Amino acid sequence: MSLSSSRHTPRSQAAARLASTPDPQVLRGVRQAALAGLALVLVWPAARGSSEWLGWLPLWLVGMPWLAWWSLYRFRLPTALLRRRGTGRRRGPQARRRTRVARPDLRHGSAGRAV
């Protein structure tokens, strides 16, 4: 076995990429359910309410299908969020504490004397 060989050949990288992409038929069904639920909540006022059996309907009509859609992509964050989150630190000088200004004690009389 030569030292230049690697476990990650182009064939295994393509297989890993293919394994990380969701099945197109499942993706299409989940996408259609999510968009239909969103349209239903936007158009039909009764879909914005609550059911005694199901609970809050927008959760089941919009939230859960969108969460299923996101889970098909293995909960990856959008690249814009990843780029913005990488900065981490503020630029500029470090904040300094202000010095306390001595004030007269006005609770016990005019000049700090006990009443």
C-alpha atoms as a PDB file:
ATOM      1  CA  MET A   1       0.000   0.000   0.000  1.00  0.00           C
ATOM      2  CA  SER A   2       1.514   3.307  -1.025  1.00  0.00           C
ATOM      3  CA  LEU A   3       1.651   6.350   1.222  1.00  0.00           C
ATOM      4  CA  SER A   4      -0.104   8.529  -1.338  1.00  0.00           C
ATOM      5  CA  SER A   5      -3.320   6.532  -1.218  1.00  0.00           C
ATOM      6  CA  SER A   6      -6.125   7.947   0.834  1.00  0.00           C
ATOM      7  CA  ARG A   7      -9.312   6.680   2.336  1.00  0.00           C
ATOM      8  CA  HIS A   8     -11.189   9.524   0.668  1.00  0.00           C
ATOM      9  CA  THR A   9     -10.981   8.825  -3.010  1.00  0.00           C
ATOM     10  CA  PRO A  10     -13.134  10.806  -5.448  1.00  0.00           C
ATOM     11  CA  ARG A  11     -15.454   7.813  -5.688  1.00  0.00           C
ATOM     12  CA  SER A  12     -16.026   7.711  -1.908  1.00  0.00           C
ATOM     13  CA  GLN A  13     -16.549  11.508  -1.805  1.00  0.00           C
ATOM     14  CA  ALA A  14     -19.195  11.236  -4.516  1.00  0.00           C
ATOM     15  CA  ALA A  15     -20.865   8.400  -2.631  1.00  0.00           C
ATOM     16  CA  ALA A  16     -20.857  10.451   0.584  1.00  0.00           C
ATOM     17  CA  ARG A  17     -22.336  13.450  -1.237  1.00  0.00           C
ATOM     18  CA  LEU A  18     -24.994  11.221  -2.784  1.00  0.00           C
ATOM     19  CA  ALA A  19     -25.812   9.733   0.621  1.00  0.00           C
ATOM     20  CA  SER A  20     -26.197  13.204   2.147  1.00  0.00           C
ATOM     21  CA  THR A  21     -28.740  14.346  -0.451  1.00  0.00           C
ATOM     22  CA  PRO A  22     -32.337  13.370   0.246  1.00  0.00           C
ATOM     23  CA  ASP A  23     -34.421  11.112  -1.957  1.00  0.00           C
ATOM     24  CA  PRO A  24     -36.079  13.327  -4.603  1.00  0.00           C
ATOM     25  CA  GLN A  25     -39.494  11.667  -4.265  1.00  0.00           C
ATOM     26  CA  VAL A  26     -39.579  12.102  -0.489  1.00  0.00           C
ATOM     27  CA  LEU A  27     -38.258  15.648  -0.832  1.00  0.00           C
ATOM     28  CA  ARG A  28     -40.975  16.525  -3.356  1.00  0.00           C
ATOM     29  CA  GLY A  29     -43.740  15.199  -1.087  1.00  0.00           C
ATOM     30  CA  VAL A  30     -42.460  17.007   2.002  1.00  0.00           C
ATOM     31  CA  ARG A  31     -41.963  20.226   0.027  1.00  0.00           C
ATOM     32  CA  GLN A  32     -45.501  20.051  -1.351  1.00  0.00           C
ATOM     33  CA  ALA A  33     -46.940  19.410   2.122  1.00  0.00           C
ATOM     34  CA  ALA A  34     -45.006  22.351   3.586  1.00  0.00           C
ATOM     35  CA  LEU A  35     -46.060  24.767   0.859  1.00  0.00           C
ATOM     36  CA  ALA A  36     -49.684  23.563   0.916  1.00  0.00           C
ATOM     37  CA  GLY A  37     -49.817  24.027   4.696  1.00  0.00           C
ATOM     38  CA  LEU A  38     -48.363  27.527   4.371  1.00  0.00           C
ATOM     39  CA  ALA A  39     -50.925  28.432   1.703  1.00  0.00           C
ATOM     40  CA  LEU A  40     -53.716  26.989   3.826  1.00  0.00           C
ATOM     41  CA  VAL A  41     -52.715  29.024   6.884  1.00  0.00           C
ATOM     42  CA  LEU A  42     -52.370  32.200   4.832  1.00  0.00           C
ATOM     43  CA  VAL A  43     -55.679  31.822   2.972  1.00  0.00           C
ATOM     44  CA  TRP A  44     -58.066  30.098   5.379  1.00  0.00           C
ATOM     45  CA  PRO A  45     -58.541  31.866   8.742  1.00  0.00           C
ATOM     46  CA  ALA A  46     -59.776  28.704  10.485  1.00  0.00           C
ATOM     47  CA  ALA A  47     -56.378  27.094   9.854  1.00  0.00           C
ATOM     48  CA  ARG A  48     -54.773  29.747  12.087  1.00  0.00           C
ATOM     49  CA  GLY A  49     -56.710  28.565  15.117  1.00  0.00           C
ATOM     50  CA  SER A  50     -56.477  25.658  17.457  1.00  0.00           C
ATOM     51  CA  SER A  51     -58.060  22.228  17.489  1.00  0.00           C
ATOM     52  CA  GLU A  52     -59.065  20.303  20.576  1.00  0.00           C
ATOM     53  CA  TRP A  53     -57.512  17.121  19.184  1.00  0.00           C
ATOM     54  CA  LEU A  54     -54.463  18.483  17.361  1.00  0.00           C
ATOM     55  CA  GLY A  55     -53.571  21.658  19.211  1.00  0.00           C
ATOM     56  CA  TRP A  56     -52.281  24.752  17.454  1.00  0.00           C
ATOM     57  CA  LEU A  57     -52.908  24.164  13.737  1.00  0.00           C
ATOM     58  CA  PRO A  58     -50.106  26.347  12.253  1.00  0.00           C
ATOM     59  CA  LEU A  59     -47.620  24.143  14.088  1.00  0.00           C
ATOM     60  CA  TRP A  60     -48.908  21.037  12.295  1.00  0.00           C
ATOM     61  CA  LEU A  61     -49.666  22.683   8.950  1.00  0.00           C
ATOM     62  CA  VAL A  62     -46.490  24.767   8.596  1.00  0.00           C
ATOM     63  CA  GLY A  63     -43.972  24.099  11.357  1.00  0.00           C
ATOM     64  CA  MET A  64     -43.744  20.327  11.254  1.00  0.00           C
ATOM     65  CA  PRO A  65     -43.553  19.982   7.450  1.00  0.00           C
ATOM     66  CA  TRP A  66     -40.836  22.674   7.332  1.00  0.00           C
ATOM     67  CA  LEU A  67     -38.951  20.877  10.098  1.00  0.00           C
ATOM     68  CA  ALA A  68     -39.240  17.611   8.150  1.00  0.00           C
ATOM     69  CA  TRP A  69     -37.946  19.390   5.052  1.00  0.00           C
ATOM     70  CA  TRP A  70     -34.976  20.732   7.030  1.00  0.00           C
ATOM     71  CA  SER A  71     -34.312  17.307   8.571  1.00  0.00           C
ATOM     72  CA  LEU A  72     -34.056  15.768   5.114  1.00  0.00           C
ATOM     73  CA  TYR A  73     -31.006  17.978   4.632  1.00  0.00           C
ATOM     74  CA  ARG A  74     -29.654  16.774   8.014  1.00  0.00           C
ATOM     75  CA  PHE A  75     -30.216  20.102   9.793  1.00  0.00           C
ATOM     76  CA  ARG A  76     -27.548  21.966   7.842  1.00  0.00           C
ATOM     77  CA  LEU A  77     -27.441  25.710   8.459  1.00  0.00           C
ATOM     78  CA  PRO A  78     -27.535  28.125   5.526  1.00  0.00           C
ATOM     79  CA  THR A  79     -24.088  29.265   4.400  1.00  0.00           C
ATOM     80  CA  ALA A  80     -24.969  32.926   5.049  1.00  0.00           C
ATOM     81  CA  LEU A  81     -25.454  32.142   8.750  1.00  0.00           C
ATOM     82  CA  LEU A  82     -22.214  30.197   8.914  1.00  0.00           C
ATOM     83  CA  ARG A  83     -20.238  33.028   7.301  1.00  0.00           C
ATOM     84  CA  ARG A  84     -21.703  35.679   9.590  1.00  0.00           C
ATOM     85  CA  ARG A  85     -21.269  33.584  12.744  1.00  0.00           C
ATOM     86  CA  GLY A  86     -17.547  33.089  12.072  1.00  0.00           C
ATOM     87  CA  THR A  87     -16.488  36.660  12.966  1.00  0.00           C
ATOM     88  CA  GLY A  88     -17.213  36.266  16.665  1.00  0.00           C
ATOM     89  CA  ARG A  89     -15.390  39.307  18.057  1.00  0.00           C
ATOM     90  CA  ARG A  90     -16.142  42.995  17.903  1.00  0.00           C
ATOM     91  CA  ARG A  91     -13.697  45.370  16.372  1.00  0.00           C
ATOM     92  CA  GLY A  92     -12.572  48.460  18.237  1.00  0.00           C
ATOM     93  CA  PRO A  93     -11.114  49.330  21.595  1.00  0.00           C
ATOM     94  CA  GLN A  94     -11.995  47.474  24.726  1.00  0.00           C
ATOM     95  CA  ALA A  95     -14.607  49.068  26.958  1.00  0.00           C
ATOM     96  CA  ARG A  96     -13.373  50.720  30.156  1.00  0.00           C
ATOM     97  CA  ARG A  97     -15.184  51.201  33.445  1.00  0.00           C
ATOM     98  CA  ARG A  98     -16.234  54.711  34.311  1.00  0.00           C
ATOM     99  CA  THR A  99     -14.849  56.168  37.496  1.00  0.00           C
ATOM    100  CA  ARG A 100     -17.400  56.849  40.187  1.00  0.00           C
ATOM    101  CA  VAL A 101     -18.082  60.464  41.010  1.00  0.00           C
ATOM    102  CA  ALA A 102     -18.370  61.121  44.748  1.00  0.00           C
ATOM    103  CA  ARG A 103     -21.787  62.577  45.568  1.00  0.00           C
ATOM    104  CA  PRO A 104     -22.904  64.008  48.870  1.00  0.00           C
ATOM    105  CA  ASP A 105     -25.120  61.787  50.948  1.00  0.00           C
ATOM    106  CA  LEU A 106     -28.488  63.556  50.923  1.00  0.00           C
ATOM    107  CA  ARG A 107     -30.401  61.002  52.930  1.00  0.00           C
ATOM    108  CA  HIS A 108     -29.538  62.449  56.357  1.00  0.00           C
ATOM    109  CA  GLY A 109     -29.704  66.182  55.839  1.00  0.00           C
ATOM    110  CA  SER A 110     -28.159  68.827  53.666  1.00  0.00           C
ATOM    111  CA  ALA A 111     -24.383  68.485  54.056  1.00  0.00           C
ATOM    112  CA  GLY A 112     -24.020  64.887  55.051  1.00  0.00           C
ATOM    113  CA  ARG A 113     -24.602  65.689  58.716  1.00  0.00           C
ATOM    114  CA  ALA A 114     -27.017  63.575  60.715  1.00  0.00           C
ATOM    115  CA  VAL A 115     -30.332  65.260  61.456  1.00  0.00           C
END
